[in-house]
N, C-alpha and C. Protein backbone atom coordinates (compact mmCIF):
# COMPACT_ATOMS: atom_id res chain seq x y z
N MET A 1 49.59 93.34 63.55
CA MET A 1 49.67 92.13 64.36
C MET A 1 47.82 91.76 65.30
N ALA A 2 47.75 93.02 66.23
CA ALA A 2 46.85 92.62 67.24
C ALA A 2 45.19 92.07 66.34
N GLN A 3 45.47 93.16 65.14
CA GLN A 3 44.30 92.51 64.41
C GLN A 3 44.30 91.42 64.10
N GLY A 4 45.54 90.91 63.43
CA GLY A 4 45.31 89.54 62.80
C GLY A 4 45.14 88.71 63.67
N THR A 5 45.52 88.64 65.04
CA THR A 5 45.18 87.86 66.20
C THR A 5 43.35 87.77 66.15
N ALA A 6 43.31 88.73 66.89
CA ALA A 6 41.97 88.82 66.73
C ALA A 6 41.20 88.49 65.18
N ASP A 7 41.47 88.52 64.56
CA ASP A 7 40.58 88.22 63.03
C ASP A 7 40.14 86.68 63.07
N ARG A 8 41.30 85.80 63.58
CA ARG A 8 41.16 84.66 63.62
C ARG A 8 41.09 83.98 64.75
N LEU A 9 40.70 84.56 65.63
CA LEU A 9 40.87 83.71 66.81
C LEU A 9 39.74 82.46 67.25
N ARG A 10 38.52 83.09 66.73
CA ARG A 10 37.15 82.35 66.64
C ARG A 10 37.89 80.90 65.87
N ALA A 11 38.27 81.10 64.41
CA ALA A 11 38.81 79.84 63.91
C ALA A 11 39.65 78.91 64.47
N ILE A 12 40.39 79.62 64.92
CA ILE A 12 41.71 79.21 65.77
C ILE A 12 41.02 78.36 66.80
N VAL A 13 39.99 78.88 67.99
CA VAL A 13 40.07 77.75 69.14
C VAL A 13 38.91 77.21 69.18
N LEU A 14 38.01 77.15 67.60
CA LEU A 14 36.97 76.55 67.62
C LEU A 14 38.00 74.83 66.76
N THR A 15 38.55 75.20 66.08
CA THR A 15 39.45 74.17 65.48
C THR A 15 40.20 73.38 66.68
N THR A 16 40.84 74.21 67.80
CA THR A 16 41.39 73.09 68.92
C THR A 16 40.70 72.82 69.41
N LEU A 17 39.53 73.29 70.16
CA LEU A 17 38.59 72.70 70.83
C LEU A 17 37.97 71.50 70.09
N THR A 18 37.73 71.59 68.99
CA THR A 18 37.23 70.35 68.63
C THR A 18 37.89 68.83 68.52
N THR A 19 39.58 69.55 68.16
CA THR A 19 40.23 68.82 67.79
C THR A 19 40.70 67.62 69.36
N ALA A 20 40.61 68.48 70.22
CA ALA A 20 41.11 68.14 71.94
C ALA A 20 39.90 67.65 72.53
N VAL A 21 38.57 67.62 71.48
CA VAL A 21 37.78 66.98 72.33
C VAL A 21 37.21 65.66 71.69
N ALA A 22 37.71 65.74 70.52
CA ALA A 22 37.92 64.23 69.62
C ALA A 22 38.68 63.39 70.00
N LEU A 23 39.65 63.32 70.70
CA LEU A 23 40.70 63.14 71.25
C LEU A 23 40.55 62.42 72.64
N VAL A 24 39.29 62.94 73.44
CA VAL A 24 39.30 62.23 74.56
C VAL A 24 38.99 61.01 74.64
N PRO A 25 37.94 60.41 74.04
CA PRO A 25 37.79 58.83 74.03
C PRO A 25 39.05 58.47 74.00
N LEU A 26 39.88 58.25 73.26
CA LEU A 26 40.82 57.71 72.31
C LEU A 26 42.14 57.99 73.76
N ALA A 27 42.41 59.22 74.59
CA ALA A 27 43.51 59.88 75.27
C ALA A 27 42.84 58.26 76.19
N TYR A 28 41.59 58.58 77.51
CA TYR A 28 40.98 57.90 78.75
C TYR A 28 40.37 56.75 78.44
N GLY A 29 40.91 55.97 77.19
CA GLY A 29 40.20 54.55 76.69
C GLY A 29 38.55 54.64 77.04
N ILE A 30 37.83 55.93 76.67
CA ILE A 30 36.14 55.76 76.72
C ILE A 30 36.16 54.48 75.46
N GLY A 31 34.79 53.58 75.34
CA GLY A 31 34.69 53.00 73.96
C GLY A 31 35.89 51.64 73.92
N GLY A 32 36.95 51.80 74.81
CA GLY A 32 37.94 50.93 74.31
C GLY A 32 38.77 50.91 74.50
N SER A 33 39.91 50.37 74.38
CA SER A 33 41.32 50.54 74.54
C SER A 33 42.39 50.43 73.81
N ALA A 34 43.42 51.35 73.43
CA ALA A 34 44.04 51.44 72.82
C ALA A 34 45.56 51.75 73.72
N PRO A 35 46.16 50.58 73.79
CA PRO A 35 46.92 51.16 75.04
C PRO A 35 48.01 52.13 74.35
N PHE A 36 48.42 51.60 73.24
CA PHE A 36 49.88 52.33 72.63
C PHE A 36 49.56 53.89 72.01
N MET A 37 48.07 54.02 71.74
CA MET A 37 47.39 55.28 71.19
C MET A 37 47.29 56.37 72.38
N ALA A 38 46.98 55.71 73.78
CA ALA A 38 46.47 56.82 74.39
C ALA A 38 47.97 57.58 75.14
N PRO A 39 48.78 57.59 74.85
CA PRO A 39 49.71 58.31 75.01
C PRO A 39 50.12 59.46 74.21
N ILE A 40 49.87 58.75 73.13
CA ILE A 40 49.61 60.21 72.24
C ILE A 40 48.77 60.77 71.63
N ALA A 41 47.43 60.29 71.63
CA ALA A 41 46.56 60.99 72.31
C ALA A 41 46.62 62.06 73.39
N LEU A 42 46.62 61.96 74.82
CA LEU A 42 47.12 63.08 75.83
C LEU A 42 47.80 63.75 75.17
N ALA A 43 49.46 63.50 74.61
CA ALA A 43 49.99 64.80 74.33
C ALA A 43 49.59 65.64 73.55
N LEU A 44 49.16 64.67 72.14
CA LEU A 44 48.60 65.62 71.40
C LEU A 44 47.22 66.19 72.00
N GLY A 45 46.84 66.00 72.95
CA GLY A 45 45.60 67.06 72.83
C GLY A 45 46.10 68.19 74.23
N TRP A 46 46.61 68.00 75.07
CA TRP A 46 47.35 68.79 76.18
C TRP A 46 48.11 69.44 75.19
N GLY A 47 48.79 68.75 74.42
CA GLY A 47 49.61 70.07 73.58
C GLY A 47 48.76 71.23 73.22
N LEU A 48 47.95 71.11 72.48
CA LEU A 48 46.86 71.11 71.62
C LEU A 48 46.66 72.65 72.39
N VAL A 49 45.72 72.24 73.80
CA VAL A 49 45.50 72.74 74.75
C VAL A 49 46.20 74.31 75.33
N PHE A 50 47.68 73.98 75.82
CA PHE A 50 48.71 74.64 75.92
C PHE A 50 48.87 75.73 75.14
N ALA A 51 49.50 75.25 74.01
CA ALA A 51 50.03 75.75 72.55
C ALA A 51 49.30 76.90 71.90
N THR A 52 47.83 76.82 72.01
CA THR A 52 46.97 77.57 71.30
C THR A 52 46.91 78.92 72.22
N PRO A 53 46.94 78.86 73.59
CA PRO A 53 47.07 80.19 73.99
C PRO A 53 48.78 81.38 73.78
N VAL A 54 49.59 79.75 74.07
CA VAL A 54 50.90 80.69 73.62
C VAL A 54 50.74 81.15 72.79
N THR A 55 50.67 80.80 71.46
CA THR A 55 50.64 80.79 69.64
C THR A 55 50.10 82.78 69.49
N LEU A 56 48.54 82.37 70.34
CA LEU A 56 47.59 83.16 69.75
C LEU A 56 48.16 84.84 70.70
N VAL A 57 48.16 84.90 72.24
CA VAL A 57 49.22 85.91 72.93
C VAL A 57 50.54 85.98 73.45
N VAL A 58 51.34 85.05 73.72
CA VAL A 58 52.25 85.12 74.14
C VAL A 58 53.36 85.79 72.94
N VAL A 59 53.28 85.03 71.71
CA VAL A 59 54.46 85.25 70.72
C VAL A 59 54.13 86.64 70.06
N PRO A 60 53.05 86.86 69.70
CA PRO A 60 52.25 88.30 69.88
C PRO A 60 53.00 89.54 70.49
N CYS A 61 52.88 89.17 71.65
CA CYS A 61 53.06 89.85 72.61
C CYS A 61 54.47 90.11 72.73
N LEU A 62 55.45 89.25 72.76
CA LEU A 62 56.79 89.34 72.63
C LEU A 62 57.42 90.05 71.17
N TYR A 63 56.47 89.85 70.50
CA TYR A 63 57.33 90.31 69.14
C TYR A 63 56.85 91.75 69.55
N MET A 64 55.76 92.02 69.84
CA MET A 64 55.57 93.86 69.78
C MET A 64 56.60 94.21 70.60
N VAL A 65 57.13 93.57 71.87
CA VAL A 65 57.97 94.03 72.97
C VAL A 65 59.08 94.21 72.41
N GLY A 66 59.44 93.46 71.31
CA GLY A 66 60.52 93.18 70.46
C GLY A 66 60.99 94.12 69.59
N VAL A 67 59.44 94.88 69.07
CA VAL A 67 59.56 95.74 68.29
C VAL A 67 59.75 97.22 68.57
N ASP A 68 59.23 97.27 69.83
CA ASP A 68 59.09 98.79 70.61
C ASP A 68 60.58 98.44 71.52
N LEU A 69 61.45 97.56 71.99
CA LEU A 69 62.87 97.58 72.24
C LEU A 69 63.82 98.60 70.95
N TYR A 70 63.56 97.57 69.74
CA TYR A 70 64.71 98.28 68.67
C TYR A 70 64.31 99.53 68.59
N ARG A 71 62.66 99.87 68.25
CA ARG A 71 62.60 101.38 67.90
C ARG A 71 63.03 102.11 69.31
N VAL A 72 62.99 101.67 70.58
CA VAL A 72 64.18 102.68 71.65
C VAL A 72 65.27 103.27 71.63
N ILE A 73 66.15 101.76 70.87
CA ILE A 73 67.49 101.40 71.13
C ILE A 73 67.92 101.96 69.83
N LYS A 74 67.14 101.83 69.23
CA LYS A 74 67.90 102.42 67.48
C LYS A 74 67.28 103.99 67.27
N GLY A 75 66.30 104.04 67.92
CA GLY A 75 65.49 105.78 67.87
C GLY A 75 64.96 105.71 66.38
N VAL A 76 64.02 104.96 65.96
CA VAL A 76 63.05 104.93 64.91
C VAL A 76 61.72 105.25 65.13
N PRO A 77 61.21 106.48 64.66
CA PRO A 77 60.02 106.50 64.97
C PRO A 77 58.97 105.90 64.68
N ASP A 78 58.17 105.71 65.42
CA ASP A 78 57.26 104.85 65.32
C ASP A 78 55.81 105.25 64.02
N ARG A 79 54.57 104.68 64.23
CA ARG A 79 54.12 104.89 62.97
C ARG A 79 53.65 106.52 62.68
N GLU A 80 53.34 106.99 63.97
CA GLU A 80 52.72 108.43 64.16
C GLU A 80 54.29 109.68 63.68
N GLY A 81 55.19 108.77 63.82
CA GLY A 81 56.15 109.77 63.33
C GLY A 81 57.08 110.30 64.63
N THR A 82 56.29 110.27 65.86
CA THR A 82 57.30 110.49 67.20
C THR A 82 58.06 109.33 67.12
N ARG A 83 59.21 109.84 67.87
CA ARG A 83 60.37 109.03 68.54
C ARG A 83 60.43 108.90 70.03
N PRO A 84 61.21 108.04 69.97
CA PRO A 84 61.42 107.69 71.16
C PRO A 84 61.65 108.48 72.27
N LYS A 85 61.23 108.86 73.81
CA LYS A 85 61.40 109.78 74.69
C LYS A 85 63.10 109.23 75.06
N GLU A 86 64.04 110.12 75.33
CA GLU A 86 65.27 110.28 75.70
C GLU A 86 64.96 110.09 77.83
N PRO A 87 65.40 108.97 77.90
CA PRO A 87 65.93 109.16 79.27
C PRO A 87 65.92 110.28 79.97
N GLU A 88 65.43 110.41 81.41
CA GLU A 88 66.20 112.13 81.95
C GLU A 88 67.33 111.62 82.43
N ALA A 89 68.73 112.42 82.38
CA ALA A 89 69.22 112.70 83.76
C ALA A 89 69.17 113.10 84.58
N GLY A 90 69.21 112.34 85.68
CA GLY A 90 69.38 112.93 87.27
C GLY A 90 68.91 112.30 88.20
């Protein structure tokens, strides 16, 4: 999963940046005014800027934590075949 995120990172970041930068004139009224389109452009641009890191970092991390918790709770071995350590009593 981490490898897949790393492979697509450049394309996703460049696409997000070009879209956000293209929305700046519309969002802030540069070169004309579109009073009904500016809020939509602001929401779309800032939504992309904040959703991209969440999609690329937070969601895969939460998924991997969930898989690790599942393995610990169920006692499923990992890829190397080692079982999770039992907590020490005492």
